[in-house]
Protein backbone atom coordinates (compact mmCIF):
# COMPACT_ATOMS: atom_id res chain seq x y z
CA MET A 1 -0.06 0.06 0.05
CA THR A 2 1.26 3.57 -0.96
CA ILE A 3 1.97 5.42 2.40
CA ASP A 4 4.31 8.14 0.90
CA LEU A 5 4.89 10.19 -2.26
CA GLY A 6 6.04 8.21 -5.52
CA PHE A 7 7.35 9.65 -8.57
CA ALA A 8 7.20 8.66 -12.38
CA TRP A 9 6.64 9.96 -15.88
CA LEU A 10 4.81 9.08 -19.06
CA SER A 11 5.56 9.60 -22.57
CA LEU A 12 2.44 10.89 -24.48
CA PRO A 13 1.36 9.50 -27.80
CA GLU A 14 1.73 12.96 -29.53
CA GLY A 15 5.16 13.55 -28.05
CA GLY A 16 6.14 15.21 -24.80
CA GLU A 17 6.10 13.88 -21.24
CA VAL A 18 3.98 14.23 -18.14
CA GLY A 19 5.37 13.83 -14.70
CA ILE A 20 3.31 11.85 -12.25
CA VAL A 21 3.31 12.30 -8.59
CA ASP A 22 1.55 9.15 -6.75
CA VAL A 23 -0.12 10.16 -3.41
CA PRO A 24 -1.44 7.84 -0.85
CA GLY A 25 -5.10 7.17 -0.88
CA HIS A 26 -5.58 6.01 2.67
CA GLN A 27 -7.00 8.51 5.00
CA ASP A 28 -4.31 7.96 7.55
CA PHE A 29 -1.81 9.45 4.99
CA ILE A 30 -3.59 12.58 3.96
CA ARG A 31 -0.69 14.80 5.27
CA ASN A 32 1.44 12.95 2.78
CA MET A 33 -1.11 13.34 0.00
CA LEU A 34 -1.38 17.00 0.54
CA ALA A 35 2.44 17.40 0.18
CA GLY A 36 2.34 16.04 -3.39
CA VAL A 37 -0.89 17.28 -4.79
CA GLY A 38 -0.71 21.14 -4.50
CA PRO A 39 1.16 22.08 -7.76
CA VAL A 40 -0.47 19.55 -10.25
CA ASP A 41 -2.08 20.45 -13.60
CA ALA A 42 -4.54 17.67 -13.61
CA VAL A 43 -5.51 14.69 -11.37
CA LEU A 44 -5.75 11.07 -12.18
CA LEU A 45 -8.29 9.92 -9.84
CA VAL A 46 -8.24 6.05 -9.27
CA VAL A 47 -11.47 4.15 -8.06
CA ALA A 48 -11.54 0.44 -8.04
CA LEU A 49 -14.92 -0.71 -9.56
CA ASP A 50 -15.15 -3.68 -7.04
CA GLU A 51 -15.03 -1.20 -4.08
CA GLY A 52 -16.62 1.96 -5.47
CA VAL A 53 -16.20 5.44 -3.75
CA MET A 54 -14.51 5.18 -0.38
CA PRO A 55 -14.62 7.99 2.35
CA GLN A 56 -11.23 9.00 1.54
CA THR A 57 -12.09 9.57 -1.98
CA ARG A 58 -14.61 12.06 -1.13
CA GLU A 59 -11.98 13.81 1.11
CA HIS A 60 -9.57 13.88 -1.74
CA LEU A 61 -12.28 15.49 -3.93
CA ALA A 62 -12.86 18.02 -1.33
CA ILE A 63 -9.18 18.82 -1.09
CA LEU A 64 -8.87 19.01 -4.88
CA ARG A 65 -11.62 21.57 -4.91
CA VAL A 66 -9.96 23.58 -2.21
CA LEU A 67 -6.78 23.59 -4.16
CA GLY A 68 -8.36 24.82 -7.52
CA VAL A 69 -7.72 21.50 -9.47
CA ASP A 70 -10.45 21.56 -11.86
CA ARG A 71 -9.46 19.12 -14.45
CA GLY A 72 -8.84 15.50 -14.55
CA VAL A 73 -9.44 11.92 -15.65
CA LEU A 74 -11.31 8.94 -13.60
CA ALA A 75 -9.58 5.52 -13.94
CA LEU A 76 -11.96 2.86 -12.82
CA THR A 77 -9.69 0.00 -12.18
CA LYS A 78 -10.06 -3.67 -11.74
CA ARG A 79 -12.79 -3.98 -14.41
CA ASP A 80 -11.84 -7.67 -14.87
CA LEU A 81 -13.12 -8.30 -11.31
CA VAL A 82 -16.69 -7.07 -11.85
CA ASP A 83 -19.54 -7.97 -14.17
CA GLU A 84 -21.33 -5.20 -16.28
CA GLU A 85 -24.14 -4.65 -13.77
CA TRP A 86 -21.84 -4.02 -10.99
CA ALA A 87 -19.61 -1.84 -13.20
CA ALA A 88 -22.84 0.27 -14.04
CA LEU A 89 -23.67 0.61 -10.34
CA ALA A 90 -20.13 1.58 -9.58
CA ARG A 91 -19.97 4.26 -12.52
CA ALA A 92 -23.14 5.77 -11.14
CA ASP A 93 -21.73 6.01 -7.66
CA VAL A 94 -18.58 7.85 -8.98
CA GLY A 95 -20.71 10.06 -11.13
CA ALA A 96 -22.79 11.09 -8.02
CA ALA A 97 -19.72 11.69 -5.91
CA LEU A 98 -18.31 13.97 -8.74
CA GLN A 99 -21.58 15.83 -9.42
CA ALA A 100 -20.83 18.74 -7.08
CA THR A 101 -17.18 19.08 -7.79
CA PRO A 102 -15.01 20.68 -10.53
CA LEU A 103 -14.59 17.10 -12.03
CA ALA A 104 -18.28 16.68 -12.84
CA GLY A 105 -18.32 15.43 -16.26
CA ALA A 106 -14.68 14.34 -16.27
CA PRO A 107 -13.91 11.29 -18.59
CA MET A 108 -14.02 8.01 -16.73
CA ILE A 109 -11.98 5.13 -18.52
CA GLU A 110 -12.48 1.57 -17.31
CA VAL A 111 -9.10 -0.26 -17.15
CA SER A 112 -7.66 -3.60 -16.21
CA ALA A 113 -4.09 -3.93 -15.24
CA THR A 114 -4.06 -7.87 -15.74
CA ALA A 115 -6.17 -8.00 -18.86
CA LYS A 116 -4.38 -4.78 -20.48
CA THR A 117 -7.63 -3.11 -21.40
CA GLY A 118 -8.37 0.55 -21.41
CA LEU A 119 -4.75 1.75 -20.93
CA ASN A 120 -4.25 3.23 -24.24
CA GLU A 121 -7.70 5.00 -23.74
CA LEU A 122 -6.60 6.27 -20.41
CA VAL A 123 -3.39 7.65 -21.67
CA ALA A 124 -5.03 9.44 -24.61
CA SER A 125 -7.67 10.92 -22.41
CA LEU A 126 -4.84 12.22 -20.17
CA ASP A 127 -3.29 13.68 -23.19
CA SER A 128 -6.41 15.38 -24.16
CA VAL A 129 -7.10 16.83 -20.73
CA LEU A 130 -3.57 18.16 -20.17
CA ARG A 131 -3.79 19.89 -23.54
CA THR A 132 -6.64 22.11 -22.06
CA ALA A 133 -4.21 23.12 -19.16
CA GLY A 134 -2.70 26.77 -19.59
CA ALA A 135 0.90 27.31 -19.60
CA ARG A 136 2.52 27.74 -16.36
CA ARG A 137 3.21 31.32 -15.48
CA ASP A 138 6.87 32.69 -15.27
CA VAL A 139 7.12 35.77 -12.96
CA GLY A 140 10.86 35.55 -12.70
CA ARG A 141 10.69 34.18 -9.15
CA PRO A 142 11.30 30.37 -9.30
CA ARG A 143 10.13 28.20 -6.37
CA LEU A 144 10.61 24.62 -5.73
CA GLY A 145 8.74 22.94 -2.78
CA ILE A 146 11.02 20.31 -1.55
CA ASP A 147 9.20 17.01 -1.34
CA ARG A 148 12.39 14.70 -1.14
CA ALA A 149 15.82 15.26 0.05
CA PHE A 150 18.42 12.46 -0.15
CA THR A 151 22.24 11.71 -0.94
CA LEU A 152 23.51 10.07 -4.15
CA THR A 153 26.97 8.52 -4.08
CA GLY A 154 29.19 10.82 -6.36
CA PHE A 155 26.88 13.46 -6.44
CA GLY A 156 26.00 14.51 -2.85
CA THR A 157 22.74 16.31 -1.78
CA VAL A 158 19.78 16.08 -4.11
CA VAL A 159 16.30 17.55 -3.71
CA THR A 160 13.05 17.15 -5.85
CA GLY A 161 9.92 19.06 -6.44
CA THR A 162 7.68 20.73 -8.79
CA LEU A 163 9.27 24.06 -10.01
CA VAL A 164 6.95 27.07 -10.23
CA ASP A 165 6.81 30.76 -11.03
CA GLY A 166 10.09 30.93 -12.74
CA ALA A 167 13.10 28.80 -14.19
CA LEU A 168 16.35 27.67 -12.66
CA ALA A 169 19.74 26.83 -14.31
CA THR A 170 22.88 25.00 -13.52
CA GLY A 171 25.21 27.40 -11.67
CA ASP A 172 22.47 29.32 -9.99
CA GLU A 173 22.79 30.42 -6.51
CA ILE A 174 19.84 29.49 -4.46
CA GLU A 175 18.45 30.12 -1.01
CA ILE A 176 16.47 27.54 1.04
CA LEU A 177 13.46 28.94 2.98
CA PRO A 178 12.80 29.26 5.68
CA SER A 179 16.14 28.60 7.06
CA GLY A 180 17.85 30.99 4.80
CA GLN A 181 20.83 28.71 3.81
CA ARG A 182 22.60 29.29 0.58
CA ALA A 183 23.75 26.79 -1.84
CA ARG A 184 24.56 26.48 -5.65
CA ILE A 185 22.91 24.17 -8.27
CA ARG A 186 25.54 21.85 -9.45
CA GLY A 187 23.09 19.93 -11.79
CA ILE A 188 19.45 19.73 -12.82
CA GLN A 189 17.49 16.57 -13.96
CA THR A 190 14.11 16.15 -15.14
CA HIS A 191 12.80 12.46 -15.72
CA LYS A 192 16.54 11.29 -15.33
CA ARG A 193 17.64 13.66 -18.16
CA ALA A 194 20.37 16.29 -17.44
CA LEU A 195 19.45 19.73 -18.34
CA ASP A 196 21.03 23.14 -18.38
CA SER A 197 17.91 24.62 -17.05
CA ALA A 198 14.32 23.79 -15.85
CA SER A 199 11.04 25.63 -16.78
CA PRO A 200 8.17 26.46 -14.74
CA GLY A 201 5.84 23.32 -14.27
CA SER A 202 8.73 20.61 -14.42
CA ARG A 203 9.21 18.00 -12.10
CA VAL A 204 13.03 18.50 -11.22
CA ALA A 205 15.73 17.03 -9.20
CA LEU A 206 18.53 19.63 -8.08
CA ASN A 207 21.95 18.38 -7.15
CA LEU A 208 23.05 21.19 -4.52
CA VAL A 209 26.54 22.19 -3.42
CA GLY A 210 27.09 23.72 0.04
CA VAL A 211 24.21 22.15 1.87
CA GLU A 212 23.96 18.84 3.46
CA LYS A 213 20.96 16.36 3.23
CA ASP A 214 20.44 16.44 7.17
CA GLU A 215 19.78 20.25 6.88
CA LEU A 216 16.79 19.61 4.55
CA GLU A 217 13.39 18.36 4.97
CA ARG A 218 10.07 18.24 3.23
CA GLY A 219 8.31 21.60 3.21
CA MET A 220 11.32 23.76 2.52
CA VAL A 221 11.47 25.92 -0.50
CA VAL A 222 14.25 26.53 -2.98
CA VAL A 223 14.12 30.23 -4.23
CA ARG A 224 16.59 32.63 -5.76
CA PRO A 225 18.29 34.70 -3.11
CA GLY A 226 16.21 37.62 -1.95
CA THR A 227 12.99 37.03 -4.02
CA LEU A 228 10.79 35.56 -1.41
CA ALA A 229 10.86 35.89 2.43
CA PRO A 230 9.25 33.41 4.90
CA VAL A 231 6.13 34.86 6.66
CA SER A 232 4.39 34.30 9.79
CA VAL A 233 1.04 35.70 9.20
CA VAL A 234 -1.30 34.96 6.21
CA SER A 235 -4.48 36.55 5.39
CA ALA A 236 -7.02 34.59 2.93
CA ARG A 237 -10.68 34.13 2.52
CA ILE A 238 -11.38 30.69 4.04
CA GLU A 239 -13.97 28.43 2.74
CA VAL A 240 -15.10 25.78 5.17
CA LEU A 241 -16.29 22.63 3.60
CA GLY A 242 -20.01 21.73 3.78
CA SER A 243 -18.94 18.23 4.92
CA ALA A 244 -16.98 19.65 7.94
CA SER A 245 -18.28 18.20 11.16
CA ASP A 246 -18.27 21.62 12.95
CA SER A 247 -17.59 25.33 12.65
CA ILE A 248 -14.32 27.01 12.78
CA THR A 249 -13.95 29.13 15.83
CA HIS A 250 -11.88 32.26 16.41
CA ASP A 251 -8.50 31.40 17.67
CA GLU A 252 -8.86 27.78 16.97
CA ALA A 253 -5.71 25.62 16.38
CA VAL A 254 -5.63 24.14 12.89
CA LYS A 255 -2.99 22.53 10.58
CA VAL A 256 -2.03 24.44 7.45
CA HIS A 257 -0.79 22.66 4.44
CA ALA A 258 0.78 24.91 1.73
CA GLY A 259 2.99 23.57 -0.96
CA THR A 260 4.82 20.54 0.54
CA ALA A 261 4.77 22.25 4.02
CA GLU A 262 2.75 21.58 7.07
CA VAL A 263 2.57 23.85 10.02
CA MET A 264 0.23 24.65 13.03
CA ALA A 265 -1.64 27.89 13.18
CA ARG A 266 -4.22 29.90 14.98
CA VAL A 267 -7.10 31.29 12.94
CA SER A 268 -8.14 34.74 13.67
CA LEU A 269 -11.66 35.38 12.05
CA LEU A 270 -12.13 38.85 10.93
CA GLU A 271 -15.89 38.87 10.24
CA GLY A 272 -17.37 37.03 13.55
CA ALA A 273 -16.57 34.59 16.09
CA THR A 274 -17.33 31.33 14.16
CA LEU A 275 -17.16 30.27 10.55
CA ASP A 276 -19.81 27.55 9.91
CA PRO A 277 -19.83 24.61 7.44
CA GLY A 278 -20.31 25.66 3.85
CA ASP A 279 -19.36 29.34 4.67
CA THR A 280 -16.55 31.55 3.67
CA GLY A 281 -14.98 34.43 5.41
CA TRP A 282 -11.84 36.49 5.83
CA ALA A 283 -9.31 35.41 8.33
CA GLN A 284 -5.65 35.51 9.37
CA LEU A 285 -3.62 32.39 10.06
CA ARG A 286 -0.98 33.05 12.67
CA LEU A 287 1.72 30.43 12.03
CA ALA A 288 3.64 28.56 14.69
CA ALA A 289 6.56 28.45 12.08
CA PRO A 290 7.39 30.69 9.19
CA LEU A 291 6.23 29.54 5.71
CA ALA A 292 7.62 30.48 2.32
CA VAL A 293 4.26 31.27 0.39
CA ALA A 294 3.24 33.85 -2.11
CA VAL A 295 -0.03 35.75 -2.99
CA GLY A 296 -2.34 33.20 -4.79
CA ASP A 297 -0.81 30.08 -3.33
CA ARG A 298 -3.64 27.73 -2.42
CA PHE A 299 -3.53 26.02 1.05
CA VAL A 300 -5.55 23.35 3.02
CA ILE A 301 -6.46 23.62 6.68
CA ARG A 302 -7.26 20.46 8.77
CA ARG A 303 -8.30 19.85 12.28
CA PRO A 304 -5.42 18.04 14.00
CA SER A 305 -7.69 15.95 16.52
CA PRO A 306 -9.78 14.24 15.60
CA PRO A 307 -8.14 14.63 12.09
CA GLU A 308 -10.39 16.13 9.59
CA THR A 309 -10.17 18.47 6.56
CA LEU A 310 -11.86 21.74 7.21
CA GLY A 311 -11.38 23.67 4.03
CA GLY A 312 -8.74 26.10 2.95
CA GLY A 313 -8.51 29.14 0.49
CA ALA A 314 -5.90 31.09 -1.59
CA VAL A 315 -3.43 33.39 0.17
CA ALA A 316 -4.47 37.07 -0.43
CA ASP A 317 -1.88 38.89 1.63
CA ILE A 318 1.54 38.15 3.25
CA SER A 319 2.35 41.56 4.40
CA GLY A 320 2.14 40.59 8.11
CA GLU A 321 -0.13 43.55 8.77
CA ARG A 322 -2.18 43.03 11.88
CA MET A 323 -6.02 42.82 10.85
CA ARG A 324 -8.54 43.64 13.56
CA ARG A 325 -12.19 42.33 13.26
CA ARG A 326 -13.54 45.38 11.56
CA GLY A 327 -14.81 46.52 8.20
CA GLU A 328 -11.71 48.41 7.07
CA ALA A 329 -9.64 45.21 7.31
CA VAL A 330 -12.18 43.22 5.31
CA ALA A 331 -12.21 46.03 2.54
CA VAL A 332 -8.43 45.95 2.36
CA LEU A 333 -8.17 42.34 1.81
CA GLU A 334 -11.17 42.49 -0.74
CA ARG A 335 -9.20 45.08 -2.67
CA ARG A 336 -6.07 42.88 -2.55
CA SER A 337 -8.03 39.93 -3.92
CA ALA A 338 -9.96 42.08 -6.60
CA PRO A 339 -10.90 40.15 -9.77
CA THR A 340 -9.06 42.28 -12.17
CA VAL A 341 -5.33 42.58 -12.52
CA ALA A 342 -5.34 46.47 -12.29
CA SER A 343 -7.50 46.48 -9.18
CA ARG A 344 -5.19 44.03 -7.39
CA LEU A 345 -2.09 45.96 -8.45
CA LEU A 346 -3.71 49.25 -7.32
CA ALA A 347 -4.45 47.81 -3.88
CA ALA A 348 -0.81 47.18 -3.67
CA PHE A 349 0.00 50.90 -3.98
CA ASP A 350 -1.60 51.85 -0.86
CA VAL A 351 2.00 53.20 -0.02
CA PRO A 352 4.73 53.91 -2.61
CA ARG A 353 6.08 50.64 -4.10
CA THR A 354 8.07 49.52 -7.01
CA LEU A 355 6.31 47.64 -9.69
CA ASP A 356 8.26 44.52 -8.54
CA GLU A 357 7.21 44.76 -4.92
CA ALA A 358 3.66 45.54 -5.86
CA ALA A 359 3.55 42.67 -8.29
CA ALA A 360 4.86 40.18 -5.73
CA ARG A 361 2.13 41.30 -3.23
CA GLY A 362 -0.37 40.84 -5.84
CA GLY A 363 0.99 37.52 -7.23
CA LEU A 364 1.32 38.91 -10.82
CA ASP A 365 3.63 38.01 -13.66
CA ALA A 366 5.67 40.74 -15.38
CA ALA A 367 3.25 41.03 -18.52
CA ASP A 368 0.12 41.50 -16.58
CA ARG A 369 1.84 43.84 -14.10
CA ASP A 370 3.29 46.16 -16.82
CA ALA A 371 -0.06 46.20 -18.58
CA ALA A 372 -2.01 47.00 -15.49
CA ALA A 373 0.52 49.79 -14.46
CA ARG A 374 0.18 51.55 -17.81
CA GLU A 375 -3.64 51.48 -17.39
CA LEU A 376 -3.48 52.73 -13.82
CA ILE A 377 -1.16 55.60 -14.72
CA ALA A 378 -3.14 56.68 -18.04
CA SER A 379 -6.32 56.56 -16.14
CA GLY A 380 -4.97 58.71 -13.09
CA ARG A 381 -5.63 56.04 -10.42
CA ALA A 382 -1.97 55.69 -9.82
CA VAL A 383 0.73 58.35 -9.73
CA ARG A 384 4.47 57.98 -10.09
CA LEU A 385 6.94 59.08 -7.36
CA ALA A 386 10.42 58.43 -8.66
CA ASP A 387 11.01 54.68 -8.70
CA ALA A 388 7.55 53.98 -7.10
CA LEU A 389 3.92 54.11 -7.77
CA LEU A 390 1.05 55.40 -5.53
CA ALA A 391 -2.64 54.91 -5.74
CA ARG A 392 -4.14 58.38 -6.23
CA ASP A 393 -6.24 58.03 -3.18
CA SER A 394 -3.26 57.36 -1.01
CA PHE A 395 -1.14 60.13 -2.85
CA ASP A 396 -4.07 62.64 -1.85
CA ALA A 397 -3.89 61.34 1.82
CA LEU A 398 -0.21 62.09 1.75
CA ALA A 399 -0.70 65.38 0.27
CA VAL A 400 -3.17 66.27 2.98
CA ARG A 401 -0.64 65.12 5.67
CA VAL A 402 1.91 67.52 4.06
CA GLU A 403 -0.35 70.40 4.14
CA ARG A 404 -1.29 69.85 7.75
CA THR A 405 2.25 69.56 8.73
CA LEU A 406 2.87 72.93 7.05
CA ALA A 407 -0.19 74.43 8.38
CA ALA A 408 0.87 73.50 11.88
CA THR A 409 4.35 74.95 11.46
CA HIS A 410 2.93 78.22 10.21
CA ARG A 411 0.62 78.54 13.29
CA ARG A 412 3.49 77.68 15.73
CA ALA A 413 6.07 79.85 13.74
CA PRO A 414 4.23 82.54 11.61
CA LEU A 415 7.64 84.52 11.08
CA ARG A 416 9.15 81.41 9.44
CA PRO A 417 9.01 81.07 5.67
CA GLY A 418 7.89 77.62 6.15
CA ALA A 419 8.80 74.13 7.50
CA PRO A 420 12.44 72.78 6.93
CA ARG A 421 12.30 70.32 4.05
CA GLU A 422 14.01 67.45 5.91
CA GLU A 423 11.75 67.81 9.09
CA VAL A 424 8.72 67.25 6.72
CA ARG A 425 10.38 64.28 5.10
CA SER A 426 11.00 62.62 8.38
CA SER A 427 7.47 62.98 9.37
CA LEU A 428 6.51 60.85 6.24
CA ASP A 429 9.14 58.35 6.52
CA LEU A 430 9.94 58.64 2.61
CA PRO A 431 13.19 57.92 0.94
CA ALA A 432 14.58 61.29 -0.24
CA LYS A 433 14.03 60.69 -4.09
CA ARG A 434 10.31 59.73 -3.57
CA PHE A 435 10.01 62.74 -1.28
CA ASN A 436 11.48 65.11 -3.81
CA ALA A 437 9.01 63.61 -6.35
CA LEU A 438 6.00 64.18 -4.14
CA VAL A 439 7.19 67.78 -3.34
CA GLU A 440 7.58 68.36 -7.10
CA ARG A 441 4.30 67.14 -7.98
CA LEU A 442 2.61 69.01 -5.14
CA ALA A 443 4.10 72.15 -6.23
CA ALA A 444 3.39 71.56 -9.80
CA GLU A 445 -0.36 71.23 -8.60
CA GLY A 446 -0.16 74.48 -6.75
CA ARG A 447 -0.74 72.79 -3.27
CA ILE A 448 2.56 73.84 -1.68
CA ALA A 449 5.54 76.20 -2.41
CA GLU A 450 9.30 75.46 -2.30
CA ARG A 451 11.22 78.18 -0.67
CA GLY A 452 14.83 77.23 -0.62
CA ASN A 453 15.36 74.69 1.97
CA THR A 454 11.72 75.18 3.30
CA LEU A 455 8.25 74.27 2.31
CA ALA A 456 5.09 76.13 2.77
CA LEU A 457 1.62 76.57 1.92
CA VAL A 458 1.18 78.82 -1.25
CA THR A 459 -0.91 81.35 1.00
CA HIS A 460 1.58 81.61 3.58
CA VAL A 461 3.17 84.95 4.21
CA PRO A 462 5.28 85.60 7.44
CA THR A 463 3.15 87.61 9.49
CA LEU A 464 4.42 90.22 12.06
CA SER A 465 2.56 91.37 15.25
CA ALA A 466 1.70 94.89 15.90
CA SER A 467 4.72 95.27 18.19
CA GLN A 468 6.95 93.58 15.54
CA GLU A 469 5.57 96.10 12.97
CA ALA A 470 6.33 98.92 15.19
CA ALA A 471 9.88 97.71 15.69
CA TRP A 472 10.38 97.38 12.01
CA SER A 473 9.16 100.89 11.51
CA ARG A 474 11.80 102.24 13.69
CA ALA A 475 14.53 100.20 12.10
CA ARG A 476 13.38 101.10 8.85
CA ASP A 477 13.97 104.81 9.59
CA ALA A 478 17.51 103.85 10.85
CA LEU A 479 18.28 102.03 7.94
CA GLY A 480 17.01 104.92 5.66
CA ARG A 481 19.28 107.37 7.32
CA ALA A 482 22.52 105.80 5.95
CA PRO A 483 21.21 103.44 3.37
CA LEU A 484 24.71 102.22 2.27
CA GLN A 485 26.10 102.13 5.84
CA PRO A 486 23.42 100.53 7.71
CA PRO A 487 23.42 99.30 11.41
CA SER A 488 24.66 95.84 11.89
CA PRO A 489 22.29 92.92 12.57
CA ALA A 490 23.57 93.00 16.22
CA SER A 491 22.58 96.56 16.47
CA LEU A 492 19.27 96.02 14.88
CA GLU A 493 18.64 93.28 17.50
CA SER A 494 19.98 95.18 20.58
CA GLU A 495 18.59 98.78 19.61
CA TYR A 496 15.45 98.08 17.68
CA GLY A 497 14.39 94.62 18.47
CA LEU A 498 14.84 92.92 15.29
CA ASP A 499 15.99 89.66 15.99
CA ARG A 500 17.30 87.08 13.41
CA GLU A 501 14.09 85.34 12.87
CA LEU A 502 12.29 88.81 12.29
CA VAL A 503 14.95 90.00 9.96
CA ALA A 504 14.51 86.56 8.00
CA ALA A 505 10.69 87.38 8.04
CA LEU A 506 11.10 90.65 6.67
CA ALA A 507 13.46 89.57 3.91
CA GLU A 508 10.87 87.01 2.86
CA ARG A 509 8.47 89.65 2.79
CA GLY A 510 10.69 91.53 0.52
CA ASP A 511 11.29 94.49 3.00
CA LEU A 512 14.83 93.72 3.58
CA ILE A 513 17.78 92.28 1.67
CA ARG A 514 20.25 89.88 3.60
CA ILE A 515 23.77 89.64 2.32
CA GLY A 516 25.39 86.74 4.18
CA THR A 517 25.05 87.04 7.88
CA GLU A 518 26.54 90.23 8.78
CA ALA A 519 24.87 92.67 6.32
CA VAL A 520 21.34 94.06 5.97
CA PHE A 521 20.05 96.58 3.39
CA LEU A 522 16.95 98.07 2.19
CA PRO A 523 15.99 96.99 -1.20
CA ASP A 524 16.19 100.50 -2.61
CA ALA A 525 19.79 100.84 -1.20
CA VAL A 526 21.02 97.76 -3.02
CA ALA A 527 19.38 98.82 -6.28
CA ARG A 528 21.08 102.22 -5.99
CA PHE A 529 24.55 100.72 -5.29
CA ALA A 530 24.04 98.35 -8.23
CA ASP A 531 22.94 101.17 -10.61
CA ALA A 532 26.04 103.08 -9.55
CA VAL A 533 28.46 100.24 -10.17
CA VAL A 534 26.80 99.22 -13.55
CA THR A 535 27.01 102.70 -14.88
CA GLU A 536 30.71 103.16 -13.93
CA LEU A 537 31.52 99.66 -15.52
CA ALA A 538 29.64 100.71 -18.68
CA ALA A 539 31.88 103.83 -18.88
CA THR A 540 35.20 102.57 -17.71
CA GLY A 541 35.07 98.77 -18.05
CA THR A 542 36.53 97.98 -14.42
CA ILE A 543 35.76 99.17 -10.73
CA THR A 544 37.88 98.66 -7.61
CA VAL A 545 36.59 98.28 -4.16
CA ALA A 546 37.78 101.70 -3.33
CA ARG A 547 36.15 103.34 -6.25
CA ALA A 548 32.88 101.70 -5.47
CA ARG A 549 33.22 102.98 -2.00
CA ASP A 550 33.90 106.47 -3.17
CA LEU A 551 31.28 106.48 -5.82
CA THR A 552 28.42 105.31 -3.58
CA GLY A 553 29.46 107.00 -0.18
CA SER A 554 29.65 103.72 1.50
CA SER A 555 32.38 102.04 3.42
CA ARG A 556 34.72 99.10 2.67
CA LYS A 557 32.91 97.07 5.22
CA HIS A 558 29.70 97.26 3.19
CA VAL A 559 30.99 97.53 -0.16
CA LEU A 560 32.68 94.01 0.01
CA PRO A 561 29.27 92.13 0.69
CA LEU A 562 27.42 94.38 -1.95
CA LEU A 563 29.94 93.59 -4.70
CA GLY A 564 29.83 89.91 -3.59
CA PHE A 565 26.20 90.05 -3.94
CA LEU A 566 26.45 91.26 -7.56
CA ASP A 567 29.14 88.57 -8.31
CA ASP A 568 27.01 85.88 -6.87
CA ARG A 569 23.90 87.03 -8.95
CA GLY A 570 25.82 86.96 -12.33
CA LEU A 571 26.11 90.78 -12.85
CA THR A 572 29.78 91.16 -12.30
CA ARG A 573 32.95 89.03 -12.00
CA ARG A 574 36.35 89.41 -10.20
CA SER A 575 39.40 90.04 -12.26
CA GLY A 576 42.24 90.31 -10.05
CA ASP A 577 41.37 93.14 -7.59
CA ASP A 578 38.87 94.65 -10.04
CA ARG A 579 35.28 93.77 -11.01
CA ILE A 580 34.09 93.54 -14.72
CA LEU A 581 30.38 93.65 -16.08
CA VAL A 582 29.42 90.22 -17.23
CA LEU A 583 26.15 91.38 -18.89
CA GLY A 584 25.24 94.39 -21.01
CA PRO A 585 24.33 97.36 -18.93
CA GLU A 586 20.63 97.21 -19.76
CA GLN A 587 20.37 93.51 -19.20
CA ALA A 588 22.22 94.10 -16.06
CA ARG A 589 19.77 96.89 -14.87
CA GLU A 590 16.89 94.53 -15.69
CA ARG A 591 18.58 91.64 -13.60
CA VAL A 592 18.82 94.08 -10.43
CA ALA A 593 15.08 95.13 -10.88
CA THR A 594 14.11 91.33 -10.97
CA LEU A 595 16.28 90.66 -7.89
CA ILE A 596 15.10 93.57 -5.83
CA ASP A 597 11.30 93.12 -6.89
CA ARG A 598 11.30 89.28 -5.96
CA LYS A 599 9.35 88.40 -2.77
CA LYS A 600 12.25 86.28 -1.66
CA VAL A 601 15.86 86.73 -2.37
CA ALA A 602 18.10 84.00 -1.55
CA PRO A 603 20.66 84.84 1.21
C-alpha cells in the first residue's frame, strides 16, 4: 500500500512527457497526499470498480476543489473483477460523488491492469485533458517546494519537487527557506535527463552544493536569494467545507498545508466569532513556524484532532499587517484579491512601492503587471513617485498630511518662511528621491510652495505682530538714514528689537535684503548701489573696491558684501582686484530690478 509520495513519468502518444506524483489514498496518510497534490495541472483519480467510492475518495475530492484542481480523468480499475451490472452501479456511484465538484463530467475510463484493457484510452484521455491546461506562468521568481531530500553517491545532496513561477539553471545560487541557507545548483535533471535549465511546471531534481541532506526536509522551499521571504502571518478568505463536522472558531488551532509544507496555526476570524460549514470568511492565519508562500498560493486547513479536512483558500496577503475584526480590514483584503489585475495591483499601491514589490504582493507576472501599471497611470488612478507608484487616493492622503504639517508649522512659527524640508520628509518616512518627487508634484499642482530649504503653503506669508511692525518701522527709519552704511544685525537686534527670525521674515516679505549673515540693506539701497556700479563699469570697463566705496559714499565693510552680491547674481565677476561687467548694462539693470522686486531673495 502506498504510504508516501511516489514519482514517475509517462510519454504521451503525440509527443512530450508528463510527470506523475503518486499520492497515498488511505485517510491515515492525508498529510503525505497534501504534500504532493498542490502544484499539479490535472488529477488522475483512481477508483476500484469492485469497491466503489471510499470515504477518503470524497475527502480527496474536497481537497482538490479547495486547491483549485479543476481538470482530470477517472481511472475505474479492476474491470476484470466485476460484471457489467456491478460496473454500471460503480460508475453511477462515482458520477454522483463527482456531481458537485469541478470534476463533474470528467472522462471515466475503465481499465484492467491484468487484462491490459483500457490503458491506451486512459493515456489518450490524459493527453487530451492536459492539452486544455494553460501554460505555467513565469514571474521570474522560481520556487521549488522540496518533497524529497537525499544523498546520491558521487553527487551529494539532491532535492526534488515541482518548479513554479520561474526557471532555474545550472550554476544558479539559491536560498533555502525558511532556514535562509545558501547553496549552488551543480546539476539539474528532469525524468532522469540532465538539463542546463528547468522551466515552470517541471518535475525537477536539483543537485546542490553547499548544503547537507541532514539540513533539509520536506516543506522547505528553494528560491533565488532575496526573491521571497518566509512569513508568520497569512491573510486569506477561507472556505469551510459543507462536509465539515463543526464550525471553525476564532483562535482555533489548525494545521495548514501549503505546497509541501505543514505547520500549525491559529485562525483569527475577521468577520465573526465562528465560520460555519459551507460558509466563507476573511481570516488571518498566525503560523507557529514561518512559511515561504506567495500571494495566490492555495492551501488546505485541517483539524488536528480528530483529524479532519476543514477547508482552505488562496493566500491574499503576506504583508504581516495585523488585521482587526473590523470592516476596514476586510475592505483592504477585498481590494487585494479583486478580480481584475489592475485592481489587485492598485491595492498594492496603498503606500509607494516599486512595480516588482507590488507585483509580488499581488501575485502577478511581468506582462500582467506592466499592462496594469500602464492602465492605472493613464487613467490617473496611480501616480508615479520616482521609482515607485502610489494609488491616487493614497497620494491625496499623503498630500493632506504634508499640508497639515505645513499649516501646523505656520501656526507655531508665523514668522518663518515654512517648515524645514528634511523635517517634513522625516514625518512621512519617505526616501529622499520619492519625497522630492512628491514635493515636485505638489508644487506643480499648486498645493505647496518650495522656498529654498523650506516648504510652505502657497498662501503663507510671514506675519508680524503689531509690536513687531512697530519695531520694524523704527528700524526702517534707521536703515534709511544711511542706506549704504546701515546698522549691523547685532545693532538692529539690541537697539530696535529685530532679532534674526524677524529679519528673516522681513527678507521673506521683500522688505529687506540679507547679504550673508552680517549685512542687511533696504532693497532701494541695493538697487542704487548696483545702478552706480553698472554705470561706472559701462563707462570705464572696471571698478575697484575703493572706487565703488567713493562712488556710493559707503564703506569698505559694506561695499565688499554688496559687490559679492552682484558677483553671486551673475552681474559682475572679479578680475584680479577689480570687477568687470558680465552682462550688457541694460540687461544688468533689468537683472537688478528683478532681484530687488522678488518676494524672496536667497541669502
